[in-house]
Amino acid sequence: MISKFIQWFFSPSEVPIADVDVYSKLIELQERIEALEAENVENSICFYELSSSIDAVDARIDIITVEGFKNDV
């Protein structure tokens, strides 16, 4: 059993190691990375806008509650 494994491990392979064009895969990877970076920027902008909107609503709620307490007193 072990001898078969050793023979298989050290036997020359008929299958080439890299059957693909590495340069084209590298270009494809670079394009995907650029697309993800652009999407990340868009998402970050959207998150900042949402955060600002939530802060504005929170500030308005605080103003309304303070005005309500002033009217009650």
N, C-alpha and C. Protein backbone atom coordinates (compact mmCIF):
# COMPACT_ATOMS: atom_id res chain seq x y z
N MET A 1 0.82 -1.19 0.00
CA MET A 1 0.00 0.00 0.00
C MET A 1 0.86 1.25 0.00
N ILE A 2 1.82 1.32 0.89
CA ILE A 2 2.69 2.49 0.96
C ILE A 2 3.58 2.56 -0.27
N SER A 3 4.01 1.42 -0.76
CA SER A 3 4.86 1.43 -1.96
C SER A 3 4.10 1.94 -3.17
N LYS A 4 2.79 1.61 -3.27
CA LYS A 4 1.98 2.12 -4.38
C LYS A 4 1.86 3.65 -4.29
N PHE A 5 1.68 4.14 -3.06
CA PHE A 5 1.59 5.58 -2.87
C PHE A 5 2.89 6.26 -3.26
N ILE A 6 4.01 5.71 -2.85
CA ILE A 6 5.30 6.31 -3.17
C ILE A 6 5.53 6.29 -4.68
N GLN A 7 5.17 5.19 -5.35
CA GLN A 7 5.31 5.13 -6.81
C GLN A 7 4.41 6.17 -7.48
N TRP A 8 3.18 6.29 -6.99
CA TRP A 8 2.27 7.27 -7.56
C TRP A 8 2.78 8.70 -7.33
N PHE A 9 3.29 8.95 -6.12
CA PHE A 9 3.73 10.29 -5.75
C PHE A 9 4.93 10.74 -6.58
N PHE A 10 5.86 9.83 -6.83
CA PHE A 10 7.08 10.19 -7.56
C PHE A 10 6.99 9.92 -9.05
N SER A 11 5.89 9.39 -9.53
CA SER A 11 5.76 9.12 -10.97
C SER A 11 5.51 10.44 -11.71
N PRO A 12 6.04 10.56 -12.92
CA PRO A 12 5.81 11.80 -13.69
C PRO A 12 4.33 11.91 -14.06
N SER A 13 3.85 13.11 -14.06
CA SER A 13 2.45 13.34 -14.36
C SER A 13 2.28 13.65 -15.85
N GLU A 14 1.23 13.10 -16.45
CA GLU A 14 0.95 13.38 -17.85
C GLU A 14 0.12 14.65 -17.99
N VAL A 15 -0.49 15.08 -16.91
CA VAL A 15 -1.34 16.26 -16.93
C VAL A 15 -0.47 17.50 -16.67
N PRO A 16 -0.57 18.51 -17.53
CA PRO A 16 0.21 19.72 -17.28
C PRO A 16 -0.27 20.43 -16.01
N ILE A 17 0.65 21.09 -15.35
CA ILE A 17 0.34 21.75 -14.09
C ILE A 17 -0.64 22.90 -14.31
N ALA A 18 -0.36 23.76 -15.28
CA ALA A 18 -1.23 24.90 -15.55
C ALA A 18 -1.77 24.77 -16.96
N ASP A 19 -3.06 24.55 -17.05
CA ASP A 19 -3.69 24.37 -18.35
C ASP A 19 -4.39 25.64 -18.82
N VAL A 20 -4.26 26.70 -18.04
CA VAL A 20 -4.96 27.94 -18.34
C VAL A 20 -3.95 29.05 -18.61
N ASP A 21 -4.45 30.10 -19.25
CA ASP A 21 -3.62 31.27 -19.49
C ASP A 21 -3.60 32.13 -18.23
N VAL A 22 -2.47 32.17 -17.57
CA VAL A 22 -2.36 32.85 -16.28
C VAL A 22 -2.57 34.36 -16.45
N TYR A 23 -2.09 34.92 -17.55
CA TYR A 23 -2.21 36.36 -17.76
C TYR A 23 -3.68 36.76 -17.89
N SER A 24 -4.46 35.99 -18.62
CA SER A 24 -5.88 36.34 -18.78
C SER A 24 -6.62 36.20 -17.45
N LYS A 25 -6.26 35.21 -16.66
CA LYS A 25 -6.87 35.07 -15.33
C LYS A 25 -6.50 36.24 -14.43
N LEU A 26 -5.27 36.72 -14.55
CA LEU A 26 -4.82 37.86 -13.76
C LEU A 26 -5.60 39.12 -14.15
N ILE A 27 -5.81 39.33 -15.45
CA ILE A 27 -6.58 40.48 -15.92
C ILE A 27 -8.03 40.38 -15.43
N GLU A 28 -8.61 39.18 -15.50
CA GLU A 28 -9.97 38.98 -15.02
C GLU A 28 -10.08 39.27 -13.52
N LEU A 29 -9.10 38.82 -12.76
CA LEU A 29 -9.07 39.07 -11.32
C LEU A 29 -8.96 40.57 -11.02
N GLN A 30 -8.13 41.26 -11.78
CA GLN A 30 -7.98 42.70 -11.60
C GLN A 30 -9.30 43.42 -11.89
N GLU A 31 -10.01 43.02 -12.93
CA GLU A 31 -11.29 43.63 -13.26
C GLU A 31 -12.32 43.38 -12.16
N ARG A 32 -12.33 42.18 -11.62
CA ARG A 32 -13.26 41.88 -10.53
C ARG A 32 -12.95 42.71 -9.29
N ILE A 33 -11.67 42.88 -8.99
CA ILE A 33 -11.26 43.67 -7.83
C ILE A 33 -11.69 45.12 -8.01
N GLU A 34 -11.50 45.67 -9.22
CA GLU A 34 -11.90 47.05 -9.48
C GLU A 34 -13.41 47.22 -9.34
N ALA A 35 -14.17 46.23 -9.80
CA ALA A 35 -15.63 46.30 -9.68
C ALA A 35 -16.04 46.26 -8.21
N LEU A 36 -15.39 45.40 -7.43
CA LEU A 36 -15.70 45.32 -6.00
C LEU A 36 -15.32 46.60 -5.26
N GLU A 37 -14.21 47.20 -5.64
CA GLU A 37 -13.82 48.46 -5.01
C GLU A 37 -14.82 49.56 -5.32
N ALA A 38 -15.29 49.62 -6.56
CA ALA A 38 -16.29 50.62 -6.93
C ALA A 38 -17.59 50.39 -6.16
N GLU A 39 -17.98 49.14 -6.04
CA GLU A 39 -19.20 48.83 -5.28
C GLU A 39 -19.02 49.17 -3.80
N ASN A 40 -17.83 48.96 -3.28
CA ASN A 40 -17.55 49.29 -1.89
C ASN A 40 -17.68 50.78 -1.65
N VAL A 41 -17.19 51.59 -2.59
CA VAL A 41 -17.30 53.04 -2.47
C VAL A 41 -18.77 53.44 -2.49
N GLU A 42 -19.55 52.88 -3.42
CA GLU A 42 -20.98 53.19 -3.50
C GLU A 42 -21.70 52.82 -2.20
N ASN A 43 -21.38 51.65 -1.66
CA ASN A 43 -22.01 51.22 -0.42
C ASN A 43 -21.62 52.12 0.75
N SER A 44 -20.36 52.53 0.80
CA SER A 44 -19.91 53.41 1.89
C SER A 44 -20.65 54.74 1.83
N ILE A 45 -20.80 55.29 0.63
CA ILE A 45 -21.52 56.56 0.48
C ILE A 45 -22.96 56.39 0.94
N CYS A 46 -23.59 55.29 0.56
CA CYS A 46 -24.97 55.04 0.96
C CYS A 46 -25.08 54.91 2.48
N PHE A 47 -24.14 54.23 3.11
CA PHE A 47 -24.16 54.08 4.57
C PHE A 47 -24.00 55.42 5.26
N TYR A 48 -23.11 56.28 4.75
CA TYR A 48 -22.95 57.61 5.35
C TYR A 48 -24.22 58.44 5.21
N GLU A 49 -24.87 58.35 4.03
CA GLU A 49 -26.12 59.07 3.85
C GLU A 49 -27.20 58.58 4.81
N LEU A 50 -27.29 57.27 4.98
CA LEU A 50 -28.27 56.71 5.92
C LEU A 50 -27.97 57.13 7.35
N SER A 51 -26.69 57.12 7.69
CA SER A 51 -26.30 57.52 9.04
C SER A 51 -26.65 58.98 9.30
N SER A 52 -26.40 59.84 8.33
CA SER A 52 -26.74 61.25 8.48
C SER A 52 -28.24 61.44 8.60
N SER A 53 -28.98 60.69 7.82
CA SER A 53 -30.44 60.79 7.86
C SER A 53 -30.96 60.32 9.22
N ILE A 54 -30.42 59.26 9.74
CA ILE A 54 -30.84 58.75 11.05
C ILE A 54 -30.49 59.76 12.14
N ASP A 55 -29.30 60.37 12.05
CA ASP A 55 -28.92 61.38 13.04
C ASP A 55 -29.86 62.58 12.98
N ALA A 56 -30.25 62.98 11.78
CA ALA A 56 -31.17 64.12 11.64
C ALA A 56 -32.53 63.80 12.24
N VAL A 57 -33.02 62.59 11.99
CA VAL A 57 -34.31 62.19 12.56
C VAL A 57 -34.21 62.12 14.08
N ASP A 58 -33.10 61.60 14.58
CA ASP A 58 -32.90 61.50 16.03
C ASP A 58 -32.88 62.90 16.66
N ALA A 59 -32.20 63.83 16.00
CA ALA A 59 -32.16 65.20 16.52
C ALA A 59 -33.55 65.82 16.50
N ARG A 60 -34.31 65.57 15.46
CA ARG A 60 -35.67 66.12 15.37
C ARG A 60 -36.56 65.52 16.45
N ILE A 61 -36.41 64.23 16.71
CA ILE A 61 -37.20 63.60 17.79
C ILE A 61 -36.86 64.23 19.13
N ASP A 62 -35.58 64.51 19.37
CA ASP A 62 -35.19 65.17 20.62
C ASP A 62 -35.82 66.55 20.74
N ILE A 63 -35.85 67.29 19.64
CA ILE A 63 -36.45 68.64 19.67
C ILE A 63 -37.94 68.54 19.96
N ILE A 64 -38.61 67.61 19.31
CA ILE A 64 -40.06 67.46 19.51
C ILE A 64 -40.38 67.07 20.95
N THR A 65 -39.61 66.16 21.53
CA THR A 65 -39.89 65.75 22.91
C THR A 65 -39.61 66.89 23.89
N VAL A 66 -38.57 67.68 23.64
CA VAL A 66 -38.28 68.81 24.52
C VAL A 66 -39.40 69.83 24.40
N GLU A 67 -39.88 70.11 23.20
CA GLU A 67 -40.99 71.05 23.01
C GLU A 67 -42.25 70.55 23.71
N GLY A 68 -42.47 69.24 23.68
CA GLY A 68 -43.64 68.67 24.35
C GLY A 68 -43.56 68.84 25.85
N PHE A 69 -42.37 68.70 26.44
CA PHE A 69 -42.23 68.88 27.87
C PHE A 69 -42.39 70.36 28.26
N LYS A 70 -41.96 71.26 27.41
CA LYS A 70 -42.10 72.70 27.70
C LYS A 70 -43.57 73.09 27.70
N ASN A 71 -44.35 72.51 26.80
CA ASN A 71 -45.76 72.84 26.74
C ASN A 71 -46.53 72.28 27.94
N ASP A 72 -46.06 71.17 28.48
CA ASP A 72 -46.74 70.56 29.63
C ASP A 72 -46.50 71.33 30.92
N VAL A 73 -45.39 72.03 31.01
CA VAL A 73 -45.03 72.71 32.25
C VAL A 73 -45.67 74.02 32.38
